[in-house]
Protein backbone atom coordinates (compact mmCIF):
# COMPACT_ATOMS: atom_id res chain seq x y z
CA MET A 1 -98.67 25.99 -39.31
CA GLU A 2 -95.16 26.80 -40.50
CA ARG A 3 -92.50 24.53 -39.03
CA GLU A 4 -90.65 27.38 -37.30
CA ALA A 5 -93.82 28.60 -35.59
CA LEU A 6 -94.76 25.03 -34.66
CA PHE A 7 -91.31 24.46 -33.21
CA GLU A 8 -91.53 27.61 -31.08
CA LEU A 9 -95.01 26.70 -29.85
CA LEU A 10 -94.16 23.13 -28.87
CA GLU A 11 -90.78 24.01 -27.39
CA GLY A 12 -92.40 26.68 -25.25
CA GLN A 13 -95.15 24.38 -24.02
CA PHE A 14 -92.68 21.54 -23.45
CA SER A 15 -90.60 23.80 -21.20
CA LYS A 16 -93.75 24.88 -19.38
CA TYR A 17 -95.03 21.40 -18.55
CA ASN A 18 -91.80 19.40 -18.28
CA THR A 19 -91.24 20.45 -14.67
CA THR A 20 -91.62 18.82 -11.29
CA ASP A 21 -94.93 20.68 -10.92
CA PHE A 22 -96.29 18.27 -13.54
CA ILE A 23 -95.66 15.20 -11.37
CA PRO A 24 -98.23 15.33 -8.52
CA ASP A 25 -101.33 15.33 -10.73
CA ASP A 26 -100.06 12.77 -13.25
CA PRO A 27 -99.85 8.95 -12.99
CA ILE A 28 -96.07 9.28 -13.17
CA SER A 29 -96.34 10.41 -9.54
CA VAL A 30 -96.87 6.75 -8.57
CA PRO A 31 -93.40 5.44 -9.56
CA HIS A 32 -91.89 8.69 -8.25
CA ARG A 33 -92.72 7.45 -4.75
CA PHE A 34 -90.03 4.77 -5.06
CA ASP A 35 -86.25 4.67 -5.36
CA LYS A 36 -85.43 1.06 -6.27
CA LEU A 37 -85.29 0.32 -10.01
CA GLN A 38 -87.65 -2.66 -9.85
CA ASP A 39 -90.17 -0.82 -7.63
CA ILE A 40 -90.22 2.05 -10.14
CA GLU A 41 -90.70 -0.36 -13.04
CA ILE A 42 -93.50 -2.37 -11.42
CA SER A 43 -95.41 0.60 -10.00
CA GLY A 44 -94.96 2.46 -13.28
CA PHE A 45 -96.20 -0.47 -15.33
CA PHE A 46 -99.34 -0.80 -13.23
CA ALA A 47 -99.97 2.97 -13.25
CA ALA A 48 -99.62 3.03 -17.04
CA THR A 49 -101.86 -0.05 -17.39
CA PHE A 50 -104.57 1.70 -15.34
CA ALA A 51 -104.22 4.93 -17.34
CA TRP A 52 -107.60 5.42 -18.85
CA GLY A 53 -110.16 7.79 -17.37
CA LEU A 54 -109.55 10.54 -14.85
CA ARG A 55 -105.96 10.99 -13.74
CA LYS A 56 -107.05 11.42 -10.13
CA THR A 57 -108.75 8.02 -10.20
CA ILE A 58 -105.77 6.37 -11.92
CA ILE A 59 -103.45 7.63 -9.18
CA LYS A 60 -105.87 6.63 -6.42
CA LYS A 61 -106.27 3.06 -7.69
CA SER A 62 -102.55 2.71 -8.35
CA MET A 63 -101.75 3.76 -4.81
CA GLU A 64 -104.42 1.42 -3.47
CA LEU A 65 -102.59 -1.43 -5.19
CA MET A 66 -99.22 -0.23 -3.90
CA SER A 67 -100.71 -0.33 -0.40
CA LEU A 68 -101.76 -3.93 -0.96
CA PHE A 69 -98.14 -4.57 -1.94
CA ASP A 70 -97.07 -3.03 1.42
CA HIS A 71 -95.50 -0.19 -0.59
CA ALA A 72 -92.75 -2.59 -1.66
CA PRO A 73 -94.02 -4.05 -4.95
CA TYR A 74 -90.81 -5.82 -5.93
CA ASP A 75 -90.41 -7.50 -2.55
CA PHE A 76 -94.08 -8.51 -2.46
CA ILE A 77 -94.07 -9.92 -5.99
CA THR A 78 -90.84 -11.86 -5.67
CA ASN A 79 -91.32 -13.15 -2.11
CA HIS A 80 -95.09 -13.50 -1.57
CA THR A 81 -96.73 -16.67 -0.32
CA GLU A 82 -100.07 -18.05 -1.47
CA ASN A 83 -101.69 -16.58 1.63
CA ASP A 84 -100.29 -13.14 0.81
CA LEU A 85 -102.25 -13.18 -2.44
CA ASN A 86 -105.52 -13.18 -0.51
CA SER A 87 -105.05 -9.48 0.15
CA LEU A 88 -105.28 -8.82 -3.60
CA LEU A 89 -108.59 -10.58 -4.21
CA SER A 90 -110.77 -7.53 -3.69
CA PHE A 91 -108.85 -5.23 -6.05
CA ARG A 92 -110.67 -3.84 -9.10
CA HIS A 93 -110.08 -0.97 -11.48
CA ARG A 94 -112.70 -0.65 -14.18
CA THR A 95 -112.31 -3.83 -16.27
CA PHE A 96 -109.02 -4.81 -14.61
CA ASN A 97 -109.98 -7.47 -12.07
CA THR A 98 -108.47 -10.07 -9.74
CA THR A 99 -107.76 -12.55 -12.53
CA ASP A 100 -105.74 -9.93 -14.38
CA LEU A 101 -103.87 -8.80 -11.27
CA LEU A 102 -102.91 -12.32 -10.21
CA TYR A 103 -101.54 -13.05 -13.66
CA PHE A 104 -99.50 -9.83 -13.70
CA VAL A 105 -98.04 -10.81 -10.31
CA HIS A 106 -97.33 -14.34 -11.59
CA PHE A 107 -95.63 -13.02 -14.72
CA PHE A 108 -93.48 -10.48 -12.87
CA LYS A 109 -92.42 -13.04 -10.26
CA ALA A 110 -91.30 -15.51 -12.95
CA TYR A 111 -89.63 -12.78 -14.99
CA TYR A 112 -87.68 -11.15 -12.15
CA SER A 113 -86.39 -14.55 -11.04
CA LYS A 114 -84.23 -14.48 -14.19
CA HIS A 115 -83.87 -10.78 -15.03
CA ASN A 116 -82.92 -7.62 -13.20
CA SER A 117 -85.00 -5.17 -15.23
CA LEU A 118 -88.08 -5.04 -17.45
CA GLU A 119 -85.93 -3.31 -20.05
CA ASP A 120 -84.90 -6.71 -21.42
CA LEU A 121 -88.52 -7.29 -22.50
CA PHE A 122 -88.56 -4.29 -24.82
CA VAL A 123 -85.07 -3.98 -26.33
CA PRO A 124 -85.43 -4.34 -30.13
CA GLU A 125 -83.52 -7.28 -31.57
CA ASN A 126 -82.61 -5.35 -34.71
CA SER A 127 -80.44 -2.28 -34.25
CA ASN A 128 -81.80 -0.88 -37.52
CA ASP A 129 -85.40 -0.64 -36.27
CA ALA A 130 -86.94 2.75 -36.94
CA ASN A 131 -88.82 2.72 -33.65
CA ILE A 132 -89.81 0.57 -30.68
CA LYS A 133 -92.54 -1.35 -32.58
CA ASN A 134 -90.78 -4.71 -32.62
CA GLY A 135 -89.73 -4.31 -29.01
CA ILE A 136 -93.37 -3.89 -27.94
CA ASN A 137 -94.46 -6.82 -30.10
CA ASN A 138 -91.78 -9.00 -28.50
CA PHE A 139 -92.90 -7.94 -25.03
CA TYR A 140 -96.49 -8.87 -25.87
CA LEU A 141 -95.54 -12.32 -27.12
CA ARG A 142 -93.55 -13.05 -23.99
CA PHE A 143 -96.31 -11.73 -21.75
CA VAL A 144 -99.02 -13.95 -23.23
CA ASN A 145 -96.83 -17.03 -23.81
CA ASP A 146 -97.47 -18.69 -20.47
CA ASP A 147 -99.52 -21.73 -19.52
CA TYR A 148 -101.36 -19.65 -16.92
CA PHE A 149 -102.18 -16.72 -19.20
CA PRO A 150 -105.95 -15.94 -18.99
CA PRO A 151 -107.37 -14.86 -22.37
CA ARG A 152 -109.37 -12.05 -20.76
CA THR A 153 -106.12 -10.34 -19.68
CA ARG A 154 -105.21 -9.79 -23.33
CA LYS A 155 -107.30 -6.61 -23.31
CA HIS A 156 -104.91 -4.97 -20.85
CA VAL A 157 -101.80 -5.24 -23.00
CA SER A 158 -101.57 -3.97 -26.55
CA ARG A 159 -99.24 -4.39 -29.51
CA PRO A 160 -98.52 -2.70 -32.82
CA ALA A 161 -99.10 -6.05 -34.59
CA GLY A 162 -102.74 -5.71 -33.53
CA ASN A 163 -102.70 -2.14 -34.92
CA SER A 164 -103.24 -0.61 -31.50
CA ALA A 165 -101.82 2.86 -30.86
CA CYS A 166 -100.37 1.34 -27.65
CA LYS A 167 -100.85 4.58 -25.73
CA ARG A 168 -100.27 3.12 -22.28
CA ILE A 169 -97.19 1.08 -23.21
CA ASN A 170 -95.70 4.05 -25.06
CA MET A 171 -96.30 6.24 -22.02
CA PHE A 172 -94.58 3.72 -19.74
CA LEU A 173 -91.63 3.54 -22.14
CA ARG A 174 -91.35 7.33 -22.17
CA TRP A 175 -91.12 7.29 -18.39
CA MET A 176 -88.40 4.65 -18.35
CA VAL A 177 -86.29 5.85 -21.30
CA ARG A 178 -86.40 9.67 -21.50
CA LYS A 179 -84.09 11.66 -19.26
CA ASP A 180 -83.37 15.35 -19.01
CA HIS A 181 -82.60 17.99 -16.40
CA ALA A 182 -86.25 18.40 -15.38
CA GLY A 183 -86.47 15.02 -13.67
CA VAL A 184 -90.04 14.12 -14.66
CA ASP A 185 -89.18 11.08 -16.78
CA PHE A 186 -86.80 8.64 -15.10
CA GLY A 187 -84.34 7.72 -17.88
CA LEU A 188 -83.41 4.50 -16.09
CA TRP A 189 -83.12 2.38 -19.23
CA LYS A 190 -79.98 2.92 -21.30
CA ARG A 191 -80.28 0.27 -24.04
CA ILE A 192 -83.27 1.94 -25.71
CA LYS A 193 -82.59 5.36 -27.18
CA PRO A 194 -85.21 8.15 -26.94
CA ASP A 195 -85.38 8.45 -30.73
CA LEU A 196 -86.92 4.94 -30.86
CA LEU A 197 -89.88 5.96 -28.70
CA VAL A 198 -93.35 6.51 -30.17
CA CYS A 199 -95.56 9.30 -28.84
CA PRO A 200 -98.46 8.22 -26.61
CA CYS A 201 -101.61 9.17 -28.47
CA ASP A 202 -104.41 9.90 -25.99
CA VAL A 203 -107.51 12.02 -26.61
CA HIS A 204 -105.82 15.30 -25.62
CA VAL A 205 -102.72 14.66 -27.71
CA GLU A 206 -104.80 13.53 -30.68
CA LYS A 207 -107.04 16.59 -30.57
CA VAL A 208 -104.17 19.06 -30.51
CA ALA A 209 -102.04 17.12 -33.01
CA ARG A 210 -104.88 17.19 -35.54
CA LYS A 211 -105.36 20.93 -35.13
CA LEU A 212 -101.64 21.44 -35.69
CA GLY A 213 -101.56 19.19 -38.78
CA LEU A 214 -99.35 16.57 -37.13
CA ILE A 215 -101.97 13.84 -37.73
CA THR A 216 -103.97 13.31 -40.91
CA ARG A 217 -105.27 9.75 -40.46
CA LYS A 218 -108.91 9.55 -39.34
CA GLN A 219 -108.53 6.57 -37.03
CA ILE A 220 -106.30 6.21 -34.00
CA ASP A 221 -104.01 3.22 -34.46
CA TRP A 222 -100.33 2.36 -34.56
CA HIS A 223 -99.86 4.02 -37.95
CA THR A 224 -101.35 7.22 -36.55
CA ALA A 225 -98.95 7.14 -33.59
CA GLU A 226 -96.07 6.63 -36.03
CA GLU A 227 -97.29 9.49 -38.23
CA LEU A 228 -97.39 11.81 -35.23
CA THR A 229 -93.96 10.72 -34.03
CA ASN A 230 -92.38 11.05 -37.47
CA ASN A 231 -93.69 14.61 -37.73
CA LEU A 232 -92.33 15.38 -34.27
CA LYS A 233 -88.96 14.03 -35.38
CA LEU A 234 -88.81 16.87 -37.88
CA LEU A 235 -88.65 19.19 -34.86
CA ASP A 236 -86.36 17.07 -32.67
CA PRO A 237 -85.01 13.88 -34.29
CA ASN A 238 -83.25 12.75 -31.11
CA ASP A 239 -86.08 13.19 -28.62
CA PRO A 240 -89.42 13.55 -30.46
CA VAL A 241 -91.57 12.21 -27.62
CA LYS A 242 -90.65 15.12 -25.36
CA TYR A 243 -93.42 17.00 -27.16
CA ASP A 244 -95.94 14.69 -25.50
CA PHE A 245 -95.74 17.14 -22.59
CA ALA A 246 -96.61 20.05 -24.88
CA LEU A 247 -99.47 18.37 -26.76
CA PHE A 248 -100.99 16.96 -23.59
CA GLY A 249 -100.66 20.24 -21.71
CA ILE A 250 -102.23 22.26 -24.51
CA GLY A 251 -105.11 19.79 -24.73
CA MET A 252 -105.71 19.53 -20.99
CA ASN A 253 -105.81 23.30 -20.56
CA ASP A 254 -107.71 24.08 -23.80
CA ILE A 255 -105.03 26.47 -25.01
């Protein structure tokens, strides 16, 4: 497809889906239930971590966990007692089990005792980085570098260094970093610019991106996500990941 026609298509679909009507049926609806920065970060991170399978199920399980946190995830995580953790022991979502949940709670409690925001975990150390790759790798290393880290929990966090497409992390980062008039993404983090983001590459996005010639690699890995994002930068170099709305919407609705 010619670039001008591609631009018109994706801009039109972006405008169509980047509205508040998009929120209720998407996992981003979970952090939208909160106002405090840390509550948005924690609920968003869990919702993104659970984001495989049906969106309705992802939202349901995320809200089940928020209920176990008394709908105050930051307060629960930073102030819970050992007895409070008993309420979490029955929680499961697919392969995410109690062991994983208790470690996430442990990590967040230790982290927030020294930091105000999860943004510090992802800020690239090198200002010349082309994208957020090193920021995600640094987050991963800090997440697993703990005496209590259970090896099985490794499956629930991904990193470019392992050649994962990092769909769920990239989606979470889009939520936290992007900001525009529509109010779907939060734009709470200011030290990471939108042009560093990498497009989340789920099955709907991949399918449409291939049809439009935005992806040529056969496999889905970090290099594929970079290829897609670099092609989207030709259309909007400052905010390429906004087209995630368009690609996802086209794929979901079989346009």
